[in-house]
Amino acid sequence: MERSKVGPDVDKKEKKVGEKESNDSFAKDLGKEVALLTPPPAPPRSEIPEASFLLPDLTITNLFLNPKKRLAVTLANIGNSPLPMGLGNLKIFMDGQLKGSYRLDSLSDQPFLQPKENVTLTTSLTVRGRREVQAHIETSHEMRELSKENNHLERVLEGLPIRPEVVIKDLDLTEDLELCIILSNEGEVDLRRGVTFRIRVFVNGLKISEFDHFTSEVLKANFGNRYTIDPPYRVGISGTSKVKVSISPKLPPDDIRLEKNILERTFIIFPLRMTPQEKQEFSFSVPYPRLKDDGQSEKVKAEVRWEGGSPSLMLSFKGPEHIESVPTFSGKSPLKVEFPIHSEETRKERLWRISVINLIDKKVEGHLIIQHP
């Protein structure tokens, strides 16, 4: 009797267990089928390898000083596509102040910087003392890169000692058309009075004068003043004269960059003899100018001097076709005007013209003086 009672309960339990196992097996099989039909989730964008993008990546890899303490910058393309060089600028800052800006296409003769290639630019910037130097690349919106976070580099560089730096600021002519030399100090320390300079003057390739000069006043730092020297033996200038002046201190610590102590200029002097209401035109050629060390352009200077000095003359200046004409000037003697000539504007000698007009009913006599690099 006991067996007949126990048997049905056991059968029911076994049946429920079998049904549960069957349901679990079905759910597992169904889960596998769903998993097979569902695509795997895409990896986050940050996990996609950079190699899948064909883009350039411009970076600044080095800032350093060459043996003359001029700043040099190395740029590299660490991307996997050629970099067009005409779509950006390199800017240089020293202690937070902008000191230079360079188009990228001026750094190389090649239109593209290939992957894994680099280019080094030696700038015209001389570092003096301890400076914080920053180099930054600005690219146009047209140029896509893998990253713009590496377009900047900062370094602290130790440059030349901070000392006076004397330069020949200008050459000029006295009322008697005799040469005078104008010095200035672009360094960060004043040059004391009583410094001896050896000065040499060449005209059309011949040494005309050589003498020692003992400075009678302080040359103030940062172009604080201009100091004029008249050669003890007068150097007269006439016609077309190529003038070269060099200076050198007796003691080397009195000047740190002797390569800046030479200045060459060409003077062209036209005599003026004008009747009342007369107009005269003068022409001359200017050669292709060299870019100055500080990156500034050279200049053509024109000056008219005449007897009496009354406001009787008008000056009109015309350059080559691609250079805008300068407005007409009038005034008292001496009448002076300057025009910048950029090194990239002209590759050979170009003709320039100056017109001088006598505005009064009297004769005028004097000189037109041209000075150019």
Protein backbone atom coordinates (compact mmCIF):
# COMPACT_ATOMS: atom_id res chain seq x y z
CA MET A 1 0.00 0.00 0.00
CA GLU A 2 2.80 2.41 0.79
CA ARG A 3 4.38 1.84 -2.58
CA SER A 4 1.18 2.71 -4.40
CA LYS A 5 1.06 6.07 -2.50
CA VAL A 6 4.65 7.01 -3.12
CA GLY A 7 4.82 6.14 -6.80
CA PRO A 8 2.56 8.87 -8.25
CA ASP A 9 4.27 11.66 -6.25
CA VAL A 10 7.67 10.60 -7.46
CA ASP A 11 6.45 10.47 -11.01
CA LYS A 12 5.04 14.00 -10.73
CA LYS A 13 8.33 15.36 -9.38
CA GLU A 14 10.34 13.65 -12.08
CA LYS A 15 7.98 15.02 -14.69
CA LYS A 16 8.40 18.61 -13.37
CA VAL A 17 12.18 18.27 -13.33
CA GLY A 18 12.17 17.01 -16.90
CA GLU A 19 9.98 19.87 -18.04
CA LYS A 20 12.30 22.46 -16.37
CA GLU A 21 15.38 20.94 -18.00
CA SER A 22 13.64 20.96 -21.36
CA ASN A 23 12.66 24.64 -20.94
CA ASP A 24 16.20 25.61 -19.93
CA SER A 25 17.65 23.82 -22.90
CA PHE A 26 15.21 25.58 -25.23
CA ALA A 27 16.12 29.01 -23.76
CA LYS A 28 19.81 28.31 -24.22
CA ASP A 29 19.31 27.27 -27.82
CA LEU A 30 17.16 30.34 -28.46
CA GLY A 31 19.81 32.61 -26.87
CA LYS A 32 22.48 31.17 -29.13
CA GLU A 33 20.34 31.82 -32.20
CA VAL A 34 19.68 35.45 -31.10
CA ALA A 35 23.40 35.97 -30.41
CA LEU A 36 24.26 34.69 -33.88
CA LEU A 37 21.76 37.05 -35.52
CA THR A 38 22.86 40.19 -33.51
CA PRO A 39 25.95 42.08 -34.89
CA PRO A 40 28.74 42.90 -32.37
CA PRO A 41 28.73 46.51 -31.03
CA ALA A 42 31.11 49.00 -32.75
CA PRO A 43 34.24 49.85 -30.74
CA PRO A 44 34.46 53.39 -29.29
CA ARG A 45 35.94 55.99 -31.73
CA SER A 46 38.97 56.39 -29.50
CA GLU A 47 39.80 52.70 -30.05
CA ILE A 48 39.86 53.02 -33.87
CA PRO A 49 43.53 52.87 -34.90
CA GLU A 50 44.93 56.13 -36.32
CA ALA A 51 46.37 54.22 -39.27
CA SER A 52 42.84 53.97 -40.66
CA PHE A 53 42.95 57.76 -41.35
CA LEU A 54 45.03 58.99 -44.29
CA LEU A 55 45.88 62.44 -42.97
CA PRO A 56 49.09 64.42 -42.41
CA ASP A 57 50.16 65.48 -38.92
CA LEU A 58 52.47 68.46 -38.60
CA THR A 59 54.40 68.83 -35.38
CA ILE A 60 57.30 70.91 -34.02
CA THR A 61 60.00 68.51 -32.92
CA ASN A 62 62.82 70.86 -31.91
CA LEU A 63 63.78 74.43 -31.00
CA PHE A 64 67.51 75.12 -30.76
CA LEU A 65 70.25 77.72 -31.33
CA ASN A 66 72.91 77.37 -34.01
CA PRO A 67 76.56 78.29 -33.24
CA LYS A 68 75.80 81.96 -33.94
CA LYS A 69 72.90 81.81 -31.44
CA ARG A 70 70.26 82.17 -34.13
CA LEU A 71 67.00 80.37 -33.50
CA ALA A 72 66.28 77.23 -35.54
CA VAL A 73 63.01 75.28 -35.69
CA THR A 74 62.47 71.71 -36.89
CA LEU A 75 59.06 70.67 -38.24
CA ALA A 76 58.05 67.09 -39.08
CA ASN A 77 55.12 65.32 -40.69
CA ILE A 78 54.37 62.34 -38.43
CA GLY A 79 51.13 61.52 -40.22
CA ASN A 80 50.54 59.06 -43.06
CA SER A 81 49.70 61.47 -45.88
CA PRO A 82 51.67 64.29 -47.61
CA LEU A 83 51.34 67.71 -45.99
CA PRO A 84 50.67 70.72 -48.27
CA MET A 85 53.15 73.45 -47.30
CA GLY A 86 51.11 76.41 -48.53
CA LEU A 87 48.36 76.27 -45.91
CA GLY A 88 49.87 77.65 -42.74
CA ASN A 89 52.27 79.92 -40.88
CA LEU A 90 54.98 79.40 -38.27
CA LYS A 91 55.00 82.07 -35.54
CA ILE A 92 57.83 82.67 -33.08
CA PHE A 93 57.37 84.31 -29.67
CA MET A 94 60.04 85.34 -27.16
CA ASP A 95 58.90 85.98 -23.60
CA GLY A 96 55.34 86.20 -24.93
CA GLN A 97 56.06 88.78 -27.66
CA LEU A 98 55.69 87.97 -31.36
CA LYS A 99 59.11 88.18 -33.01
CA GLY A 100 58.63 86.51 -36.40
CA SER A 101 56.09 84.96 -38.75
CA TYR A 102 57.01 82.64 -41.64
CA ARG A 103 54.85 81.05 -44.33
CA LEU A 104 55.27 77.28 -44.35
CA ASP A 105 55.84 77.23 -48.11
CA SER A 106 58.88 79.50 -47.59
CA LEU A 107 60.59 76.81 -45.50
CA SER A 108 61.05 74.31 -48.33
CA ASP A 109 61.31 74.18 -52.11
CA GLN A 110 58.95 71.20 -52.13
CA PRO A 111 55.15 71.83 -52.24
CA PHE A 112 54.54 68.89 -49.88
CA LEU A 113 56.21 67.51 -46.76
CA GLN A 114 56.07 63.75 -47.09
CA PRO A 115 55.22 61.39 -44.18
CA LYS A 116 58.16 60.86 -41.79
CA GLU A 117 60.07 63.79 -43.37
CA ASN A 118 61.21 66.94 -41.55
CA VAL A 119 62.49 70.41 -42.41
CA THR A 120 64.61 72.82 -40.34
CA LEU A 121 64.31 76.60 -40.58
CA THR A 122 67.16 78.82 -39.33
CA THR A 123 65.51 82.16 -38.64
CA SER A 124 67.08 85.62 -38.58
CA LEU A 125 66.25 85.90 -34.86
CA THR A 126 69.25 86.09 -32.53
CA VAL A 127 68.60 85.10 -28.92
CA ARG A 128 70.30 87.15 -26.23
CA GLY A 129 70.31 86.16 -22.62
CA ARG A 130 67.96 83.55 -21.15
CA ARG A 131 64.66 83.55 -23.08
CA GLU A 132 61.44 81.57 -23.10
CA VAL A 133 60.86 80.77 -26.77
CA GLN A 134 57.55 79.54 -28.16
CA ALA A 135 56.97 78.23 -31.68
CA HIS A 136 53.40 77.82 -32.90
CA ILE A 137 51.96 76.60 -36.21
CA GLU A 138 48.72 78.11 -37.47
CA THR A 139 47.08 76.08 -40.24
CA SER A 140 44.10 77.03 -42.37
CA HIS A 141 40.73 75.31 -42.03
CA GLU A 142 41.35 73.64 -45.37
CA MET A 143 44.18 71.52 -43.96
CA ARG A 144 43.01 68.53 -41.91
CA GLU A 145 45.43 66.87 -39.52
CA LEU A 146 45.35 63.85 -37.27
CA SER A 147 45.95 66.23 -34.36
CA LYS A 148 46.51 69.94 -33.81
CA GLU A 149 47.55 69.45 -30.19
CA ASN A 150 51.22 69.02 -31.19
CA ASN A 151 51.47 72.26 -33.20
CA HIS A 152 53.17 74.09 -30.34
CA LEU A 153 56.53 73.82 -28.57
CA GLU A 154 58.17 75.86 -25.80
CA ARG A 155 61.79 75.89 -24.71
CA VAL A 156 63.98 78.02 -22.44
CA LEU A 157 67.14 78.85 -24.40
CA GLU A 158 70.39 80.49 -23.33
CA GLY A 159 71.60 82.93 -25.99
CA LEU A 160 74.38 85.46 -26.37
CA PRO A 161 75.54 87.44 -23.34
CA ILE A 162 73.54 90.60 -22.79
CA ARG A 163 75.89 93.34 -23.98
CA PRO A 164 75.80 96.44 -26.19
CA GLU A 165 75.29 95.83 -29.89
CA VAL A 166 76.37 98.74 -32.07
CA VAL A 167 74.97 98.99 -35.60
CA ILE A 168 75.47 101.45 -38.44
CA LYS A 169 71.95 102.80 -38.42
CA ASP A 170 72.22 105.04 -41.47
CA LEU A 171 74.44 107.03 -43.82
CA ASP A 172 73.71 110.65 -44.64
CA LEU A 173 75.17 113.68 -46.42
CA THR A 174 75.94 117.09 -44.95
CA GLU A 175 74.90 120.35 -46.62
CA ASP A 176 78.15 120.19 -48.56
CA LEU A 177 77.37 116.61 -49.75
CA GLU A 178 79.99 115.08 -47.45
CA LEU A 179 79.47 111.69 -45.85
CA CYS A 180 78.42 111.29 -42.21
CA ILE A 181 77.90 108.01 -40.35
CA ILE A 182 75.06 107.40 -37.89
CA LEU A 183 75.46 104.74 -35.18
CA SER A 184 72.94 103.31 -32.75
CA ASN A 185 72.83 100.59 -30.08
CA GLU A 186 70.25 97.83 -30.50
CA GLY A 187 71.56 95.88 -27.50
CA GLU A 188 69.96 95.76 -24.07
CA VAL A 189 72.82 97.49 -22.24
CA ASP A 190 74.07 101.07 -22.73
CA LEU A 191 77.47 101.52 -24.36
CA ARG A 192 79.54 103.83 -22.17
CA ARG A 193 81.19 106.95 -23.56
CA GLY A 194 84.87 106.84 -24.38
CA VAL A 195 84.80 103.69 -26.54
CA THR A 196 87.26 103.62 -29.45
CA PHE A 197 86.08 102.41 -32.88
CA ARG A 198 88.19 101.81 -35.97
CA ILE A 199 86.19 103.07 -38.97
CA ARG A 200 86.85 102.39 -42.66
CA VAL A 201 85.13 104.09 -45.61
CA PHE A 202 85.14 102.71 -49.17
CA VAL A 203 83.75 104.52 -52.22
CA ASN A 204 83.31 102.55 -55.45
CA GLY A 205 85.58 99.84 -54.08
CA LEU A 206 88.44 102.11 -53.03
CA LYS A 207 89.36 102.77 -49.38
CA ILE A 208 88.98 106.52 -49.00
CA SER A 209 89.30 106.92 -45.23
CA GLU A 210 90.41 104.94 -42.17
CA PHE A 211 90.48 106.44 -38.68
CA ASP A 212 89.88 105.83 -34.97
CA HIS A 213 86.94 107.52 -33.30
CA PHE A 214 86.57 108.09 -29.54
CA THR A 215 82.86 108.28 -28.63
CA SER A 216 81.89 111.45 -26.78
CA GLU A 217 78.53 110.29 -25.40
CA VAL A 218 76.67 107.19 -24.27
CA LEU A 219 74.96 105.05 -26.90
CA LYS A 220 71.71 104.14 -25.16
CA ALA A 221 70.27 100.63 -25.33
CA ASN A 222 67.31 99.63 -27.54
CA PHE A 223 68.00 102.36 -30.13
CA GLY A 224 67.68 105.01 -27.44
CA ASN A 225 69.62 107.60 -29.44
CA ARG A 226 71.52 108.23 -32.68
CA TYR A 227 75.21 109.07 -32.67
CA THR A 228 76.70 110.90 -35.68
CA ILE A 229 80.33 110.62 -36.79
CA ASP A 230 81.92 112.98 -39.33
CA PRO A 231 85.14 111.55 -40.80
CA PRO A 232 88.12 113.78 -39.89
CA TYR A 233 89.12 113.83 -43.56
CA ARG A 234 86.04 114.85 -45.52
CA VAL A 235 84.56 112.30 -47.89
CA GLY A 236 82.67 114.10 -50.67
CA ILE A 237 79.99 112.19 -52.58
CA SER A 238 78.98 113.00 -56.16
CA GLY A 239 77.38 111.36 -59.20
CA THR A 240 76.72 107.66 -58.60
CA SER A 241 78.74 106.38 -55.64
CA LYS A 242 78.68 102.97 -53.97
CA VAL A 243 79.61 103.59 -50.35
CA LYS A 244 80.65 100.94 -47.82
CA VAL A 245 81.35 101.70 -44.15
CA SER A 246 82.65 99.27 -41.52
CA ILE A 247 83.29 99.78 -37.80
CA SER A 248 85.00 97.62 -35.19
CA PRO A 249 85.53 98.26 -31.47
CA LYS A 250 89.00 98.27 -29.97
CA LEU A 251 87.72 95.99 -27.15
CA PRO A 252 85.57 92.99 -28.26
CA PRO A 253 83.20 93.13 -25.22
CA ASP A 254 82.04 96.56 -26.43
CA ASP A 255 80.12 94.89 -29.29
CA ILE A 256 78.88 91.33 -29.72
CA ARG A 257 77.92 90.95 -33.39
CA LEU A 258 80.54 92.40 -35.69
CA GLU A 259 78.74 91.10 -38.80
CA LYS A 260 76.18 93.88 -38.28
CA ASN A 261 78.88 96.57 -38.31
CA ILE A 262 78.94 96.95 -42.10
CA LEU A 263 76.57 99.03 -44.20
CA GLU A 264 76.57 99.45 -47.98
CA ARG A 265 74.52 102.07 -49.83
CA THR A 266 74.41 103.55 -53.32
CA PHE A 267 74.06 107.33 -53.62
CA ILE A 268 72.83 108.98 -56.83
CA ILE A 269 73.05 112.78 -56.92
CA PHE A 270 71.28 114.79 -59.61
CA PRO A 271 71.93 118.56 -59.85
CA LEU A 272 68.75 120.69 -60.04
CA ARG A 273 68.54 123.84 -62.15
CA MET A 274 64.89 124.63 -62.76
CA THR A 275 63.21 127.54 -64.48
CA PRO A 276 59.86 128.91 -63.19
CA GLN A 277 56.98 126.38 -63.41
CA GLU A 278 59.31 123.74 -64.88
CA LYS A 279 58.93 119.99 -64.36
CA GLN A 280 61.90 117.62 -64.53
CA GLU A 281 61.86 113.81 -64.42
CA PHE A 282 64.75 111.66 -63.19
CA SER A 283 65.07 107.88 -63.52
CA PHE A 284 67.30 105.30 -61.85
CA SER A 285 67.36 101.54 -61.31
CA VAL A 286 67.26 99.63 -58.03
CA PRO A 287 68.69 96.08 -57.83
CA TYR A 288 67.00 93.14 -56.17
CA PRO A 289 67.37 93.79 -52.40
CA ARG A 290 68.55 91.33 -49.80
CA LEU A 291 66.31 90.64 -46.81
CA LYS A 292 67.74 92.27 -43.68
CA ASP A 293 68.68 90.16 -40.66
CA ASP A 294 65.74 91.47 -38.65
CA GLY A 295 63.33 90.51 -41.40
CA GLN A 296 62.49 94.08 -42.33
CA SER A 297 62.43 95.32 -45.90
CA GLU A 298 65.00 97.66 -47.41
CA LYS A 299 64.11 101.22 -48.43
CA VAL A 300 64.68 103.69 -51.22
CA LYS A 301 65.21 107.24 -49.94
CA ALA A 302 64.73 110.42 -51.93
CA GLU A 303 65.66 113.92 -50.80
CA VAL A 304 65.46 117.28 -52.57
CA ARG A 305 67.53 120.22 -51.29
CA TRP A 306 67.44 123.70 -52.76
CA GLU A 307 68.61 127.18 -51.90
CA GLY A 308 66.29 129.42 -49.96
CA GLY A 309 64.26 126.53 -48.55
CA SER A 310 60.86 128.09 -49.33
CA PRO A 311 57.94 125.69 -50.05
CA SER A 312 58.42 125.94 -53.79
CA LEU A 313 58.92 122.35 -55.01
CA MET A 314 56.68 119.33 -55.45
CA LEU A 315 57.96 115.75 -55.51
CA SER A 316 56.24 112.83 -57.26
CA PHE A 317 57.65 109.31 -57.02
CA LYS A 318 56.76 106.31 -59.24
CA GLY A 319 58.05 102.78 -58.79
CA PRO A 320 57.71 99.68 -60.99
CA GLU A 321 54.25 98.71 -62.20
CA HIS A 322 53.59 96.21 -59.40
CA ILE A 323 54.45 98.74 -56.66
CA GLU A 324 51.84 101.31 -55.76
CA SER A 325 52.74 104.91 -56.57
CA VAL A 326 53.45 107.09 -53.54
CA PRO A 327 51.37 110.27 -53.07
CA THR A 328 52.81 113.61 -54.21
CA PHE A 329 54.73 115.63 -51.62
CA SER A 330 55.50 119.32 -51.29
CA GLY A 331 57.18 121.33 -48.57
CA LYS A 332 60.28 123.18 -47.47
CA SER A 333 63.86 122.16 -48.13
CA PRO A 334 65.01 119.50 -47.45
CA LEU A 335 62.04 117.48 -48.72
CA LYS A 336 62.47 113.80 -47.81
CA VAL A 337 60.51 110.63 -48.56
CA GLU A 338 61.14 106.87 -48.09
CA PHE A 339 59.65 103.83 -49.83
CA PRO A 340 60.00 100.20 -48.69
CA ILE A 341 61.03 97.63 -51.29
CA HIS A 342 60.22 94.04 -50.37
CA SER A 343 62.60 91.27 -51.37
CA GLU A 344 59.83 89.12 -52.84
CA GLU A 345 58.52 91.89 -55.10
CA THR A 346 61.39 92.16 -57.54
CA ARG A 347 63.95 89.66 -58.80
CA LYS A 348 65.99 91.99 -61.00
CA GLU A 349 66.78 95.67 -61.45
CA ARG A 350 63.67 97.80 -61.90
CA LEU A 351 63.30 101.34 -63.18
CA TRP A 352 62.07 104.03 -60.78
CA ARG A 353 61.12 107.62 -61.67
CA ILE A 354 60.95 110.88 -59.72
CA SER A 355 59.35 114.07 -60.97
CA VAL A 356 60.29 117.43 -59.45
CA ILE A 357 58.05 120.45 -60.16
CA ASN A 358 58.96 124.10 -59.53
CA LEU A 359 55.75 125.78 -58.31
CA ILE A 360 56.92 129.41 -58.27
CA ASP A 361 57.98 132.06 -60.78
CA LYS A 362 61.64 131.95 -59.77
CA LYS A 363 64.63 129.82 -60.68
CA VAL A 364 65.51 127.02 -58.28
CA GLU A 365 68.93 125.41 -57.82
CA GLY A 366 69.79 122.45 -55.63
CA HIS A 367 70.18 118.66 -55.67
CA LEU A 368 68.08 115.53 -55.82
CA ILE A 369 69.69 112.81 -53.68
CA ILE A 370 68.73 109.14 -54.05
CA GLN A 371 69.91 106.46 -51.62
CA HIS A 372 69.15 102.77 -52.05
CA PRO A 373 70.61 99.37 -51.02
